[in-house]
C-alpha atoms as a PDB file:
ATOM      1  CA  MET A   1       0.000   0.000   0.000  1.00  0.00           C
ATOM      2  CA  THR A   2       2.775   2.468   0.867  1.00  0.00           C
ATOM      3  CA  LYS A   3       4.685   1.614  -2.311  1.00  0.00           C
ATOM      4  CA  MET A   4       1.599   2.471  -4.367  1.00  0.00           C
ATOM      5  CA  MET A   5       1.184   5.737  -2.427  1.00  0.00           C
ATOM      6  CA  LYS A   6       4.837   6.711  -3.038  1.00  0.00           C
ATOM      7  CA  THR A   7       4.461   5.995  -6.744  1.00  0.00           C
ATOM      8  CA  LEU A   8       1.266   8.047  -6.915  1.00  0.00           C
ATOM      9  CA  CYS A   9       2.866  10.999  -5.078  1.00  0.00           C
ATOM     10  CA  THR A  10       5.931  10.841  -7.314  1.00  0.00           C
ATOM     11  CA  ALA A  11       3.764  10.829 -10.437  1.00  0.00           C
ATOM     12  CA  ALA A  12       1.754  13.803  -9.157  1.00  0.00           C
ATOM     13  CA  ALA A  13       4.937  15.740  -8.351  1.00  0.00           C
ATOM     14  CA  LEU A  14       6.375  15.027 -11.806  1.00  0.00           C
ATOM     15  CA  ALA A  15       3.140  16.135 -13.471  1.00  0.00           C
ATOM     16  CA  LEU A  16       3.203  19.376 -11.499  1.00  0.00           C
ATOM     17  CA  LEU A  17       6.858  20.029 -12.382  1.00  0.00           C
ATOM     18  CA  SER A  18       6.302  19.313 -16.061  1.00  0.00           C
ATOM     19  CA  SER A  19       3.510  21.888 -16.216  1.00  0.00           C
ATOM     20  CA  VAL A  20       5.794  24.489 -14.608  1.00  0.00           C
ATOM     21  CA  VAL A  21       8.602  23.706 -17.038  1.00  0.00           C
ATOM     22  CA  ALA A  22       6.269  23.908 -20.031  1.00  0.00           C
ATOM     23  CA  ALA A  23       5.060  27.406 -19.087  1.00  0.00           C
ATOM     24  CA  LYS A  24       6.254  30.152 -21.414  1.00  0.00           C
ATOM     25  CA  LEU A  25       7.588  33.450 -20.172  1.00  0.00           C
ATOM     26  CA  PRO A  26       6.432  36.653 -21.868  1.00  0.00           C
ATOM     27  CA  ALA A  27       8.866  38.486 -24.126  1.00  0.00           C
ATOM     28  CA  PRO A  28      10.996  41.034 -22.230  1.00  0.00           C
ATOM     29  CA  SER A  29      10.032  44.683 -22.531  1.00  0.00           C
ATOM     30  CA  ASP A  30      12.227  47.270 -24.250  1.00  0.00           C
ATOM     31  CA  GLU A  31      13.292  48.571 -20.843  1.00  0.00           C
ATOM     32  CA  ALA A  32      14.354  45.089 -19.732  1.00  0.00           C
ATOM     33  CA  LYS A  33      16.272  44.587 -22.973  1.00  0.00           C
ATOM     34  CA  ALA A  34      18.080  47.901 -22.496  1.00  0.00           C
ATOM     35  CA  LYS A  35      18.931  47.036 -18.908  1.00  0.00           C
ATOM     36  CA  ALA A  36      20.268  43.627 -20.003  1.00  0.00           C
ATOM     37  CA  ALA A  37      22.390  45.243 -22.722  1.00  0.00           C
ATOM     38  CA  GLU A  38      23.831  47.712 -20.213  1.00  0.00           C
ATOM     39  CA  ALA A  39      24.585  44.887 -17.779  1.00  0.00           C
ATOM     40  CA  ALA A  40      26.369  42.965 -20.544  1.00  0.00           C
ATOM     41  CA  ALA A  41      28.415  46.042 -21.466  1.00  0.00           C
ATOM     42  CA  LYS A  42      29.336  46.632 -17.826  1.00  0.00           C
ATOM     43  CA  THR A  43      30.375  42.991 -17.432  1.00  0.00           C
ATOM     44  CA  ALA A  44      32.588  43.231 -20.525  1.00  0.00           C
ATOM     45  CA  TRP A  45      34.155  46.441 -19.175  1.00  0.00           C
ATOM     46  CA  ALA A  46      34.771  44.780 -15.805  1.00  0.00           C
ATOM     47  CA  GLY A  47      36.597  41.979 -17.623  1.00  0.00           C
ATOM     48  CA  LYS A  48      38.819  44.542 -19.357  1.00  0.00           C
ATOM     49  CA  VAL A  49      39.561  46.237 -16.031  1.00  0.00           C
ATOM     50  CA  ASP A  50      40.453  42.887 -14.467  1.00  0.00           C
ATOM     51  CA  GLY A  51      42.785  42.136 -17.365  1.00  0.00           C
ATOM     52  CA  PHE A  52      44.412  45.558 -17.001  1.00  0.00           C
ATOM     53  CA  LEU A  53      44.952  45.087 -13.271  1.00  0.00           C
ATOM     54  CA  LEU A  54      46.385  41.618 -13.866  1.00  0.00           C
ATOM     55  CA  CYS A  55      48.757  43.006 -16.505  1.00  0.00           C
ATOM     56  CA  LYS A  56      49.948  45.751 -14.148  1.00  0.00           C
ATOM     57  CA  SER A  57      50.538  43.292 -11.295  1.00  0.00           C
ATOM     58  CA  GLN A  58      52.434  40.940 -13.623  1.00  0.00           C
ATOM     59  CA  ASP A  59      54.651  43.846 -14.712  1.00  0.00           C
ATOM     60  CA  LYS A  60      55.303  44.662 -11.067  1.00  0.00           C
ATOM     61  CA  VAL A  61      56.272  41.047 -10.300  1.00  0.00           C
ATOM     62  CA  VAL A  62      58.576  40.893 -13.334  1.00  0.00           C
ATOM     63  CA  ALA A  63      60.259  44.160 -12.344  1.00  0.00           C
ATOM     64  CA  HIS A  64      60.801  42.865  -8.811  1.00  0.00           C
ATOM     65  CA  TYR A  65      62.174  39.574 -10.126  1.00  0.00           C
ATOM     66  CA  LYS A  66      64.593  41.318 -12.464  1.00  0.00           C
ATOM     67  CA  LYS A  67      65.703  43.629  -9.678  1.00  0.00           C
ATOM     68  CA  SER A  68      66.332  40.758  -7.244  1.00  0.00           C
ATOM     69  CA  ALA A  69      67.949  38.586  -9.934  1.00  0.00           C
ATOM     70  CA  THR A  70      70.546  41.259 -10.643  1.00  0.00           C
ATOM     71  CA  LYS A  71      71.388  41.459  -6.936  1.00  0.00           C
ATOM     72  CA  VAL A  72      71.971  37.707  -6.592  1.00  0.00           C
ATOM     73  CA  ALA A  73      73.868  37.165  -9.810  1.00  0.00           C
ATOM     74  CA  THR A  74      74.261  39.105 -12.971  1.00  0.00           C
ATOM     75  CA  VAL A  75      72.085  37.392 -15.485  1.00  0.00           C
ATOM     76  CA  ALA A  76      72.442  38.265 -19.128  1.00  0.00           C
ATOM     77  CA  VAL A  77      68.951  38.592 -20.519  1.00  0.00           C
ATOM     78  CA  LYS A  78      69.051  38.130 -24.252  1.00  0.00           C
ATOM     79  CA  GLY A  79      66.158  39.508 -26.251  1.00  0.00           C
ATOM     80  CA  ALA A  80      64.398  40.862 -23.204  1.00  0.00           C
ATOM     81  CA  ALA A  81      60.917  41.918 -24.095  1.00  0.00           C
ATOM     82  CA  PRO A  82      60.126  45.582 -23.593  1.00  0.00           C
ATOM     83  CA  ALA A  83      57.669  46.543 -20.902  1.00  0.00           C
ATOM     84  CA  SER A  84      54.249  45.260 -21.839  1.00  0.00           C
ATOM     85  CA  ALA A  85      51.633  47.688 -22.990  1.00  0.00           C
ATOM     86  CA  CYS A  86      48.790  47.369 -20.520  1.00  0.00           C
ATOM     87  CA  ALA A  87      45.823  49.180 -22.013  1.00  0.00           C
ATOM     88  CA  ASP A  88      43.755  51.040 -19.428  1.00  0.00           C
ATOM     89  CA  PRO A  89      40.050  50.644 -20.355  1.00  0.00           C
ATOM     90  CA  GLY A  90      39.150  53.937 -18.663  1.00  0.00           C
ATOM     91  CA  PRO A  91      35.906  54.662 -16.850  1.00  0.00           C
ATOM     92  CA  PHE A  92      32.709  52.817 -17.716  1.00  0.00           C
ATOM     93  CA  VAL A  93      30.689  54.658 -20.356  1.00  0.00           C
ATOM     94  CA  TYR A  94      27.562  53.054 -21.758  1.00  0.00           C
ATOM     95  CA  VAL A  95      26.135  54.279 -25.039  1.00  0.00           C
ATOM     96  CA  PRO A  96      22.804  52.684 -25.961  1.00  0.00           C
ATOM     97  CA  ALA A  97      22.576  51.189 -29.440  1.00  0.00           C
ATOM     98  CA  GLY A  98      19.981  53.749 -30.595  1.00  0.00           C
ATOM     99  CA  ALA A  99      21.924  56.789 -29.351  1.00  0.00           C
ATOM    100  CA  ALA A 100      23.698  59.112 -31.744  1.00  0.00           C
ATOM    101  CA  PRO A 101      27.409  58.250 -32.014  1.00  0.00           C
ATOM    102  CA  ALA A 102      28.386  61.942 -32.243  1.00  0.00           C
ATOM    103  CA  ALA A 103      27.128  62.579 -28.710  1.00  0.00           C
ATOM    104  CA  ALA A 104      29.209  59.699 -27.372  1.00  0.00           C
ATOM    105  CA  ALA A 105      32.338  60.656 -29.323  1.00  0.00           C
ATOM    106  CA  ALA A 106      32.428  64.222 -28.018  1.00  0.00           C
ATOM    107  CA  PRO A 107      32.789  64.171 -24.236  1.00  0.00           C
ATOM    108  CA  ALA A 108      31.924  67.303 -22.308  1.00  0.00           C
ATOM    109  CA  ALA A 109      34.857  69.707 -22.250  1.00  0.00           C
ATOM    110  CA  PRO A 110      36.080  70.593 -18.767  1.00  0.00           C
ATOM    111  CA  ALA A 111      35.541  74.174 -17.695  1.00  0.00           C
ATOM    112  CA  ALA A 112      38.578  76.365 -18.283  1.00  0.00           C
ATOM    113  CA  VAL A 113      40.301  77.359 -15.069  1.00  0.00           C
ATOM    114  CA  PRO A 114      41.830  80.823 -15.214  1.00  0.00           C
ATOM    115  CA  ALA A 115      45.559  80.896 -14.447  1.00  0.00           C
ATOM    116  CA  LYS A 116      46.623  82.607 -11.250  1.00  0.00           C
ATOM    117  CA  LYS A 117      48.645  85.734 -11.683  1.00  0.00           C
ATOM    118  CA  SER A 118      51.699  86.061  -9.488  1.00  0.00           C
END
């Protein structure tokens, strides 16, 4: 009797779950799409910042290693690579796809500060 009850409860639970899985979600609104696009852009920018910080820390470790290696023994480094070019991604700026590119390309000019006269 209990085995039949367990089977019946399991079947009912599976039927309930299948109806939940089969439900369709409505299409996202334009606002939700814009928010998702901005979140994706911010995530991509965060990845660039992480890469930049990693590059800078690797340069620091290499500089320390080279400095300590010259103290211990003079090591001839043949074909030493120049300092790597870590590209700073700058601050996060999001430009929506429908926005005019001219507005994004021309940042606001800082206010001119008059020079002090001595």
